[in-house]
Structure formats: structure tokens, C-alpha cells
mmCIF file of all heavy atoms, coordinates in Angstrom:
data_MODEL
# 
_entry.id   MODEL 
# 
loop_
_atom_site.group_PDB 
_atom_site.id 
_atom_site.type_symbol 
_atom_site.label_atom_id 
_atom_site.label_alt_id 
_atom_site.label_comp_id 
_atom_site.label_asym_id 
_atom_site.label_entity_id 
_atom_site.label_seq_id 
_atom_site.pdbx_PDB_ins_code 
_atom_site.Cartn_x 
_atom_site.Cartn_y 
_atom_site.Cartn_z 
_atom_site.occupancy 
_atom_site.B_iso_or_equiv 
_atom_site.pdbx_formal_charge 
_atom_site.auth_seq_id 
_atom_site.auth_comp_id 
_atom_site.auth_asym_id 
_atom_site.auth_atom_id 
_atom_site.pdbx_PDB_model_num 
ATOM 1   N N   . MET A 1 1  ? 274.181 244.110 14.079 1.00 0.00 ? 1  MET A N   1 
ATOM 2   C CA  . MET A 1 1  ? 275.201 243.134 13.697 1.00 0.00 ? 1  MET A CA  1 
ATOM 3   C C   . MET A 1 1  ? 274.585 241.879 13.110 1.00 0.00 ? 1  MET A C   1 
ATOM 4   O O   . MET A 1 1  ? 275.263 240.878 12.921 1.00 0.00 ? 1  MET A O   1 
ATOM 5   C CB  . MET A 1 1  ? 276.051 242.768 14.922 1.00 0.00 ? 1  MET A CB  1 
ATOM 6   C CG  . MET A 1 1  ? 276.870 243.915 15.466 1.00 0.00 ? 1  MET A CG  1 
ATOM 7   S SD  . MET A 1 1  ? 277.412 243.654 17.157 1.00 0.00 ? 1  MET A SD  1 
ATOM 8   C CE  . MET A 1 1  ? 275.990 244.205 18.094 1.00 0.00 ? 1  MET A CE  1 
ATOM 9   N N   . VAL A 1 2  ? 273.283 241.927 12.840 1.00 0.00 ? 2  VAL A N   1 
ATOM 10  C CA  . VAL A 1 2  ? 272.537 240.739 12.433 1.00 0.00 ? 2  VAL A CA  1 
ATOM 11  C C   . VAL A 1 2  ? 272.256 240.747 10.939 1.00 0.00 ? 2  VAL A C   1 
ATOM 12  O O   . VAL A 1 2  ? 272.476 239.760 10.225 1.00 0.00 ? 2  VAL A O   1 
ATOM 13  C CB  . VAL A 1 2  ? 271.217 240.624 13.232 1.00 0.00 ? 2  VAL A CB  1 
ATOM 14  C CG1 . VAL A 1 2  ? 270.473 239.360 12.840 1.00 0.00 ? 2  VAL A CG1 1 
ATOM 15  C CG2 . VAL A 1 2  ? 271.493 240.644 14.735 1.00 0.00 ? 2  VAL A CG2 1 
ATOM 16  N N   . ALA A 1 3  ? 271.730 241.866 10.426 1.00 0.00 ? 3  ALA A N   1 
ATOM 17  C CA  . ALA A 1 3  ? 271.361 242.017 9.007  1.00 0.00 ? 3  ALA A CA  1 
ATOM 18  C C   . ALA A 1 3  ? 270.319 240.961 8.613  1.00 0.00 ? 3  ALA A C   1 
ATOM 19  O O   . ALA A 1 3  ? 269.439 240.631 9.398  1.00 0.00 ? 3  ALA A O   1 
ATOM 20  C CB  . ALA A 1 3  ? 272.582 241.995 8.108  1.00 0.00 ? 3  ALA A CB  1 
ATOM 21  N N   . GLY A 1 4  ? 270.391 240.411 7.390  1.00 0.00 ? 4  GLY A N   1 
ATOM 22  C CA  . GLY A 1 4  ? 269.370 239.469 6.947  1.00 0.00 ? 4  GLY A CA  1 
ATOM 23  C C   . GLY A 1 4  ? 267.988 240.084 7.064  1.00 0.00 ? 4  GLY A C   1 
ATOM 24  O O   . GLY A 1 4  ? 267.752 241.220 6.638  1.00 0.00 ? 4  GLY A O   1 
ATOM 25  N N   . ASP A 1 5  ? 267.056 239.349 7.688  1.00 0.00 ? 5  ASP A N   1 
ATOM 26  C CA  . ASP A 1 5  ? 265.687 239.844 7.817  1.00 0.00 ? 5  ASP A CA  1 
ATOM 27  C C   . ASP A 1 5  ? 265.556 241.003 8.805  1.00 0.00 ? 5  ASP A C   1 
ATOM 28  O O   . ASP A 1 5  ? 264.508 241.651 8.872  1.00 0.00 ? 5  ASP A O   1 
ATOM 29  C CB  . ASP A 1 5  ? 264.757 238.702 8.222  1.00 0.00 ? 5  ASP A CB  1 
ATOM 30  C CG  . ASP A 1 5  ? 265.070 238.148 9.600  1.00 0.00 ? 5  ASP A CG  1 
ATOM 31  O OD1 . ASP A 1 5  ? 266.269 238.082 9.965  1.00 0.00 ? 5  ASP A OD1 1 
ATOM 32  O OD2 . ASP A 1 5  ? 264.136 237.764 10.313 1.00 0.00 ? 5  ASP A OD2 1 
ATOM 33  N N   . TYR A 1 6  ? 266.617 241.300 9.560  1.00 0.00 ? 6  TYR A N   1 
ATOM 34  C CA  . TYR A 1 6  ? 266.574 242.435 10.483 1.00 0.00 ? 6  TYR A CA  1 
ATOM 35  C C   . TYR A 1 6  ? 266.573 243.769 9.729  1.00 0.00 ? 6  TYR A C   1 
ATOM 36  O O   . TYR A 1 6  ? 266.191 244.788 10.290 1.00 0.00 ? 6  TYR A O   1 
ATOM 37  C CB  . TYR A 1 6  ? 267.758 242.398 11.452 1.00 0.00 ? 6  TYR A CB  1 
ATOM 38  C CG  . TYR A 1 6  ? 267.507 241.636 12.733 1.00 0.00 ? 6  TYR A CG  1 
ATOM 39  C CD1 . TYR A 1 6  ? 266.793 240.439 12.721 1.00 0.00 ? 6  TYR A CD1 1 
ATOM 40  C CD2 . TYR A 1 6  ? 267.993 242.086 13.957 1.00 0.00 ? 6  TYR A CD2 1 
ATOM 41  C CE1 . TYR A 1 6  ? 266.568 239.726 13.886 1.00 0.00 ? 6  TYR A CE1 1 
ATOM 42  C CE2 . TYR A 1 6  ? 267.765 241.387 15.130 1.00 0.00 ? 6  TYR A CE2 1 
ATOM 43  C CZ  . TYR A 1 6  ? 267.056 240.209 15.091 1.00 0.00 ? 6  TYR A CZ  1 
ATOM 44  O OH  . TYR A 1 6  ? 266.840 239.516 16.257 1.00 0.00 ? 6  TYR A OH  1 
ATOM 45  N N   . VAL A 1 7  ? 267.014 243.789 8.494  1.00 0.00 ? 7  VAL A N   1 
ATOM 46  C CA  . VAL A 1 7  ? 267.077 245.046 7.751  1.00 0.00 ? 7  VAL A CA  1 
ATOM 47  C C   . VAL A 1 7  ? 265.691 245.680 7.651  1.00 0.00 ? 7  VAL A C   1 
ATOM 48  O O   . VAL A 1 7  ? 265.491 246.849 8.016  1.00 0.00 ? 7  VAL A O   1 
ATOM 49  C CB  . VAL A 1 7  ? 267.688 244.836 6.358  1.00 0.00 ? 7  VAL A CB  1 
ATOM 50  C CG1 . VAL A 1 7  ? 267.607 246.128 5.536  1.00 0.00 ? 7  VAL A CG1 1 
ATOM 51  C CG2 . VAL A 1 7  ? 269.136 244.362 6.464  1.00 0.00 ? 7  VAL A CG2 1 
ATOM 52  N N   . SER A 1 8  ? 264.708 244.903 7.182  1.00 0.00 ? 8  SER A N   1 
ATOM 53  C CA  . SER A 1 8  ? 263.362 245.449 7.051  1.00 0.00 ? 8  SER A CA  1 
ATOM 54  C C   . SER A 1 8  ? 262.721 245.707 8.409  1.00 0.00 ? 8  SER A C   1 
ATOM 55  O O   . SER A 1 8  ? 261.957 246.674 8.561  1.00 0.00 ? 8  SER A O   1 
ATOM 56  C CB  . SER A 1 8  ? 262.482 244.495 6.232  1.00 0.00 ? 8  SER A CB  1 
ATOM 57  O OG  . SER A 1 8  ? 262.416 243.224 6.828  1.00 0.00 ? 8  SER A OG  1 
ATOM 58  N N   . ARG A 1 9  ? 263.047 244.891 9.390  1.00 0.00 ? 9  ARG A N   1 
ATOM 59  C CA  . ARG A 1 9  ? 262.480 245.106 10.730 1.00 0.00 ? 9  ARG A CA  1 
ATOM 60  C C   . ARG A 1 9  ? 263.062 246.353 11.385 1.00 0.00 ? 9  ARG A C   1 
ATOM 61  O O   . ARG A 1 9  ? 262.372 247.061 12.121 1.00 0.00 ? 9  ARG A O   1 
ATOM 62  C CB  . ARG A 1 9  ? 262.723 243.867 11.591 1.00 0.00 ? 9  ARG A CB  1 
ATOM 63  C CG  . ARG A 1 9  ? 262.019 242.622 11.031 1.00 0.00 ? 9  ARG A CG  1 
ATOM 64  C CD  . ARG A 1 9  ? 262.389 241.367 11.786 1.00 0.00 ? 9  ARG A CD  1 
ATOM 65  N NE  . ARG A 1 9  ? 261.782 241.339 13.108 1.00 0.00 ? 9  ARG A NE  1 
ATOM 66  C CZ  . ARG A 1 9  ? 262.096 240.450 14.048 1.00 0.00 ? 9  ARG A CZ  1 
ATOM 67  N NH1 . ARG A 1 9  ? 263.031 239.533 13.802 1.00 0.00 ? 9  ARG A NH1 1 
ATOM 68  N NH2 . ARG A 1 9  ? 261.501 240.479 15.218 1.00 0.00 ? 9  ARG A NH2 1 
ATOM 69  N N   . ASN A 1 10 ? 264.335 246.627 11.109 1.00 0.00 ? 10 ASN A N   1 
ATOM 70  C CA  . ASN A 1 10 ? 264.921 247.870 11.616 1.00 0.00 ? 10 ASN A CA  1 
ATOM 71  C C   . ASN A 1 10 ? 264.214 249.092 11.029 1.00 0.00 ? 10 ASN A C   1 
ATOM 72  O O   . ASN A 1 10 ? 263.993 250.079 11.723 1.00 0.00 ? 10 ASN A O   1 
ATOM 73  C CB  . ASN A 1 10 ? 266.415 247.933 11.272 1.00 0.00 ? 10 ASN A CB  1 
ATOM 74  C CG  . ASN A 1 10 ? 267.265 247.005 12.112 1.00 0.00 ? 10 ASN A CG  1 
ATOM 75  O OD1 . ASN A 1 10 ? 266.911 246.668 13.237 1.00 0.00 ? 10 ASN A OD1 1 
ATOM 76  N ND2 . ASN A 1 10 ? 268.396 246.582 11.569 1.00 0.00 ? 10 ASN A ND2 1 
ATOM 77  N N   . PHE A 1 11 ? 263.871 249.024 9.735  1.00 0.00 ? 11 PHE A N   1 
ATOM 78  C CA  . PHE A 1 11 ? 263.142 250.132 9.126  1.00 0.00 ? 11 PHE A CA  1 
ATOM 79  C C   . PHE A 1 11 ? 261.842 250.404 9.902  1.00 0.00 ? 11 PHE A C   1 
ATOM 80  O O   . PHE A 1 11 ? 261.470 251.550 10.126 1.00 0.00 ? 11 PHE A O   1 
ATOM 81  C CB  . PHE A 1 11 ? 262.804 249.822 7.672  1.00 0.00 ? 11 PHE A CB  1 
ATOM 82  C CG  . PHE A 1 11 ? 263.976 249.820 6.729  1.00 0.00 ? 11 PHE A CG  1 
ATOM 83  C CD1 . PHE A 1 11 ? 263.834 249.314 5.444  1.00 0.00 ? 11 PHE A CD1 1 
ATOM 84  C CD2 . PHE A 1 11 ? 265.207 250.335 7.101  1.00 0.00 ? 11 PHE A CD2 1 
ATOM 85  C CE1 . PHE A 1 11 ? 264.896 249.317 4.557  1.00 0.00 ? 11 PHE A CE1 1 
ATOM 86  C CE2 . PHE A 1 11 ? 266.280 250.345 6.222  1.00 0.00 ? 11 PHE A CE2 1 
ATOM 87  C CZ  . PHE A 1 11 ? 266.126 249.827 4.948  1.00 0.00 ? 11 PHE A CZ  1 
ATOM 88  N N   . LYS A 1 12 ? 261.160 249.325 10.286 1.00 0.00 ? 12 LYS A N   1 
ATOM 89  C CA  . LYS A 1 12 ? 259.898 249.472 11.012 1.00 0.00 ? 12 LYS A CA  1 
ATOM 90  C C   . LYS A 1 12 ? 260.109 250.001 12.430 1.00 0.00 ? 12 LYS A C   1 
ATOM 91  O O   . LYS A 1 12 ? 259.265 250.734 12.962 1.00 0.00 ? 12 LYS A O   1 
ATOM 92  C CB  . LYS A 1 12 ? 259.175 248.130 11.068 1.00 0.00 ? 12 LYS A CB  1 
ATOM 93  C CG  . LYS A 1 12 ? 258.732 247.604 9.707  1.00 0.00 ? 12 LYS A CG  1 
ATOM 94  C CD  . LYS A 1 12 ? 258.099 246.228 9.835  1.00 0.00 ? 12 LYS A CD  1 
ATOM 95  C CE  . LYS A 1 12 ? 257.699 245.679 8.473  1.00 0.00 ? 12 LYS A CE  1 
ATOM 96  N NZ  . LYS A 1 12 ? 257.128 244.303 8.577  1.00 0.00 ? 12 LYS A NZ  1 
ATOM 97  N N   . ALA A 1 13 ? 261.228 249.632 13.051 1.00 0.00 ? 13 ALA A N   1 
ATOM 98  C CA  . ALA A 1 13 ? 261.490 250.038 14.439 1.00 0.00 ? 13 ALA A CA  1 
ATOM 99  C C   . ALA A 1 13 ? 262.102 251.428 14.537 1.00 0.00 ? 13 ALA A C   1 
ATOM 100 O O   . ALA A 1 13 ? 262.250 251.962 15.642 1.00 0.00 ? 13 ALA A O   1 
ATOM 101 C CB  . ALA A 1 13 ? 262.413 249.027 15.108 1.00 0.00 ? 13 ALA A CB  1 
ATOM 102 N N   . ALA A 1 14 ? 262.460 252.010 13.404 1.00 0.00 ? 14 ALA A N   1 
ATOM 103 C CA  . ALA A 1 14 ? 263.175 253.286 13.388 1.00 0.00 ? 14 ALA A CA  1 
ATOM 104 C C   . ALA A 1 14 ? 262.235 254.476 13.476 1.00 0.00 ? 14 ALA A C   1 
ATOM 105 O O   . ALA A 1 14 ? 261.120 254.460 12.941 1.00 0.00 ? 14 ALA A O   1 
ATOM 106 C CB  . ALA A 1 14 ? 264.012 253.396 12.115 1.00 0.00 ? 14 ALA A CB  1 
ATOM 107 N N   . ALA A 1 15 ? 262.704 255.509 14.129 1.00 0.00 ? 15 ALA A N   1 
ATOM 108 C CA  . ALA A 1 15 ? 261.977 256.775 14.178 1.00 0.00 ? 15 ALA A CA  1 
ATOM 109 C C   . ALA A 1 15 ? 262.210 257.556 12.880 1.00 0.00 ? 15 ALA A C   1 
ATOM 110 O O   . ALA A 1 15 ? 263.070 257.197 12.071 1.00 0.00 ? 15 ALA A O   1 
ATOM 111 C CB  . ALA A 1 15 ? 262.473 257.597 15.362 1.00 0.00 ? 15 ALA A CB  1 
ATOM 112 N N   . PHE A 1 16 ? 261.454 258.617 12.660 1.00 0.00 ? 16 PHE A N   1 
ATOM 113 C CA  . PHE A 1 16 ? 261.713 259.495 11.529 1.00 0.00 ? 16 PHE A CA  1 
ATOM 114 C C   . PHE A 1 16 ? 263.125 260.070 11.637 1.00 0.00 ? 16 PHE A C   1 
ATOM 115 O O   . PHE A 1 16 ? 263.560 260.479 12.705 1.00 0.00 ? 16 PHE A O   1 
ATOM 116 C CB  . PHE A 1 16 ? 260.675 260.629 11.483 1.00 0.00 ? 16 PHE A CB  1 
ATOM 117 C CG  . PHE A 1 16 ? 259.393 260.237 10.812 1.00 0.00 ? 16 PHE A CG  1 
ATOM 118 C CD1 . PHE A 1 16 ? 258.394 259.566 11.520 1.00 0.00 ? 16 PHE A CD1 1 
ATOM 119 C CD2 . PHE A 1 16 ? 259.188 260.505 9.470  1.00 0.00 ? 16 PHE A CD2 1 
ATOM 120 C CE1 . PHE A 1 16 ? 257.223 259.189 10.899 1.00 0.00 ? 16 PHE A CE1 1 
ATOM 121 C CE2 . PHE A 1 16 ? 258.014 260.127 8.836  1.00 0.00 ? 16 PHE A CE2 1 
ATOM 122 C CZ  . PHE A 1 16 ? 257.024 259.455 9.554  1.00 0.00 ? 16 PHE A CZ  1 
ATOM 123 N N   . GLU A 1 17 ? 263.829 260.070 10.515 1.00 0.00 ? 17 GLU A N   1 
ATOM 124 C CA  . GLU A 1 17 ? 265.194 260.571 10.412 1.00 0.00 ? 17 GLU A CA  1 
ATOM 125 C C   . GLU A 1 17 ? 266.166 259.806 11.302 1.00 0.00 ? 17 GLU A C   1 
ATOM 126 O O   . GLU A 1 17 ? 267.201 260.340 11.734 1.00 0.00 ? 17 GLU A O   1 
ATOM 127 C CB  . GLU A 1 17 ? 265.250 262.075 10.682 1.00 0.00 ? 17 GLU A CB  1 
ATOM 128 C CG  . GLU A 1 17 ? 264.418 262.858 9.666  1.00 0.00 ? 17 GLU A CG  1 
ATOM 129 C CD  . GLU A 1 17 ? 264.609 264.364 9.759  1.00 0.00 ? 17 GLU A CD  1 
ATOM 130 O OE1 . GLU A 1 17 ? 265.081 264.838 10.801 1.00 0.00 ? 17 GLU A OE1 1 
ATOM 131 O OE2 . GLU A 1 17 ? 264.266 265.044 8.773  1.00 0.00 ? 17 GLU A OE2 1 
ATOM 132 N N   . ALA A 1 18 ? 265.846 258.547 11.549 1.00 0.00 ? 18 ALA A N   1 
ATOM 133 C CA  . ALA A 1 18 ? 266.763 257.694 12.319 1.00 0.00 ? 18 ALA A CA  1 
ATOM 134 C C   . ALA A 1 18 ? 267.979 257.321 11.490 1.00 0.00 ? 18 ALA A C   1 
ATOM 135 O O   . ALA A 1 18 ? 267.966 257.388 10.251 1.00 0.00 ? 18 ALA A O   1 
ATOM 136 C CB  . ALA A 1 18 ? 266.038 256.427 12.779 1.00 0.00 ? 18 ALA A CB  1 
ATOM 137 N N   . ARG A 1 19 ? 269.044 256.926 12.191 1.00 0.00 ? 19 ARG A N   1 
ATOM 138 C CA  . ARG A 1 19 ? 270.283 256.472 11.565 1.00 0.00 ? 19 ARG A CA  1 
ATOM 139 C C   . ARG A 1 19 ? 270.481 255.002 11.910 1.00 0.00 ? 19 ARG A C   1 
ATOM 140 O O   . ARG A 1 19 ? 270.498 254.645 13.093 1.00 0.00 ? 19 ARG A O   1 
ATOM 141 C CB  . ARG A 1 19 ? 271.478 257.294 12.038 1.00 0.00 ? 19 ARG A CB  1 
ATOM 142 C CG  . ARG A 1 19 ? 271.420 258.755 11.586 1.00 0.00 ? 19 ARG A CG  1 
ATOM 143 C CD  . ARG A 1 19 ? 270.580 259.640 12.490 1.00 0.00 ? 19 ARG A CD  1 
ATOM 144 N NE  . ARG A 1 19 ? 271.267 259.972 13.735 1.00 0.00 ? 19 ARG A NE  1 
ATOM 145 C CZ  . ARG A 1 19 ? 270.646 260.430 14.813 1.00 0.00 ? 19 ARG A CZ  1 
ATOM 146 N NH1 . ARG A 1 19 ? 269.322 260.596 14.832 1.00 0.00 ? 19 ARG A NH1 1 
ATOM 147 N NH2 . ARG A 1 19 ? 271.347 260.724 15.900 1.00 0.00 ? 19 ARG A NH2 1 
ATOM 148 N N   . ILE A 1 20 ? 270.627 254.179 10.888 1.00 0.00 ? 20 ILE A N   1 
ATOM 149 C CA  . ILE A 1 20 ? 270.769 252.726 11.067 1.00 0.00 ? 20 ILE A CA  1 
ATOM 150 C C   . ILE A 1 20 ? 272.149 252.322 10.568 1.00 0.00 ? 20 ILE A C   1 
ATOM 151 O O   . ILE A 1 20 ? 272.529 252.626 9.433  1.00 0.00 ? 20 ILE A O   1 
ATOM 152 C CB  . ILE A 1 20 ? 269.686 251.961 10.294 1.00 0.00 ? 20 ILE A CB  1 
ATOM 153 C CG1 . ILE A 1 20 ? 268.289 252.415 10.740 1.00 0.00 ? 20 ILE A CG1 1 
ATOM 154 C CG2 . ILE A 1 20 ? 269.847 250.452 10.480 1.00 0.00 ? 20 ILE A CG2 1 
ATOM 155 C CD1 . ILE A 1 20 ? 267.167 251.892 9.858  1.00 0.00 ? 20 ILE A CD1 1 
ATOM 156 N N   . LEU A 1 21 ? 272.896 251.627 11.413 1.00 0.00 ? 21 LEU A N   1 
ATOM 157 C CA  . LEU A 1 21 ? 274.251 251.212 11.065 1.00 0.00 ? 21 LEU A CA  1 
ATOM 158 C C   . LEU A 1 21 ? 274.341 249.698 11.061 1.00 0.00 ? 21 LEU A C   1 
ATOM 159 O O   . LEU A 1 21 ? 273.994 249.048 12.051 1.00 0.00 ? 21 LEU A O   1 
ATOM 160 C CB  . LEU A 1 21 ? 275.253 251.777 12.068 1.00 0.00 ? 21 LEU A CB  1 
ATOM 161 C CG  . LEU A 1 21 ? 275.209 253.304 12.218 1.00 0.00 ? 21 LEU A CG  1 
ATOM 162 C CD1 . LEU A 1 21 ? 274.709 253.680 13.597 1.00 0.00 ? 21 LEU A CD1 1 
ATOM 163 C CD2 . LEU A 1 21 ? 276.563 253.923 11.970 1.00 0.00 ? 21 LEU A CD2 1 
ATOM 164 N N   . ILE A 1 22 ? 274.807 249.127 9.956  1.00 0.00 ? 22 ILE A N   1 
ATOM 165 C CA  . ILE A 1 22 ? 275.016 247.686 9.854  1.00 0.00 ? 22 ILE A CA  1 
ATOM 166 C C   . ILE A 1 22 ? 276.511 247.430 9.844  1.00 0.00 ? 22 ILE A C   1 
ATOM 167 O O   . ILE A 1 22 ? 277.237 247.927 8.969  1.00 0.00 ? 22 ILE A O   1 
ATOM 168 C CB  . ILE A 1 22 ? 274.362 247.111 8.589  1.00 0.00 ? 22 ILE A CB  1 
ATOM 169 C CG1 . ILE A 1 22 ? 272.851 247.339 8.627  1.00 0.00 ? 22 ILE A CG1 1 
ATOM 170 C CG2 . ILE A 1 22 ? 274.686 245.622 8.445  1.00 0.00 ? 22 ILE A CG2 1 
ATOM 171 C CD1 . ILE A 1 22 ? 272.117 246.887 7.378  1.00 0.00 ? 22 ILE A CD1 1 
ATOM 172 N N   . ILE A 1 23 ? 277.001 246.665 10.834 1.00 0.00 ? 23 ILE A N   1 
ATOM 173 C CA  . ILE A 1 23 ? 278.442 246.438 10.947 1.00 0.00 ? 23 ILE A CA  1 
ATOM 174 C C   . ILE A 1 23 ? 278.817 244.961 10.848 1.00 0.00 ? 23 ILE A C   1 
ATOM 175 O O   . ILE A 1 23 ? 280.002 244.623 10.906 1.00 0.00 ? 23 ILE A O   1 
ATOM 176 C CB  . ILE A 1 23 ? 278.998 247.041 12.256 1.00 0.00 ? 23 ILE A CB  1 
ATOM 177 C CG1 . ILE A 1 23 ? 278.341 246.417 13.491 1.00 0.00 ? 23 ILE A CG1 1 
ATOM 178 C CG2 . ILE A 1 23 ? 278.824 248.555 12.250 1.00 0.00 ? 23 ILE A CG2 1 
ATOM 179 C CD1 . ILE A 1 23 ? 279.018 246.811 14.791 1.00 0.00 ? 23 ILE A CD1 1 
ATOM 180 N N   . ALA A 1 24 ? 277.829 244.079 10.729 1.00 0.00 ? 24 ALA A N   1 
ATOM 181 C CA  . ALA A 1 24 ? 278.084 242.644 10.552 1.00 0.00 ? 24 ALA A CA  1 
ATOM 182 C C   . ALA A 1 24 ? 276.797 242.023 10.045 1.00 0.00 ? 24 ALA A C   1 
ATOM 183 O O   . ALA A 1 24 ? 275.750 242.689 9.978  1.00 0.00 ? 24 ALA A O   1 
ATOM 184 C CB  . ALA A 1 24 ? 278.537 241.989 11.854 1.00 0.00 ? 24 ALA A CB  1 
# 
């Protein structure tokens, strides 16, 4: 629900074939 700079950090924290959802 944060987005901004969290987008690239989520990519780093994600596992292979992870699903990332941005809702805010």
C-alpha cells in the first residue's frame, strides 16, 4: 500500500515467480 520507492525494494524482497500487488 506504499508504492514509491517500495516498488524496487519489493522486487528485491520477492522470491522467484512471486506475485506483487499494489493497492495504494
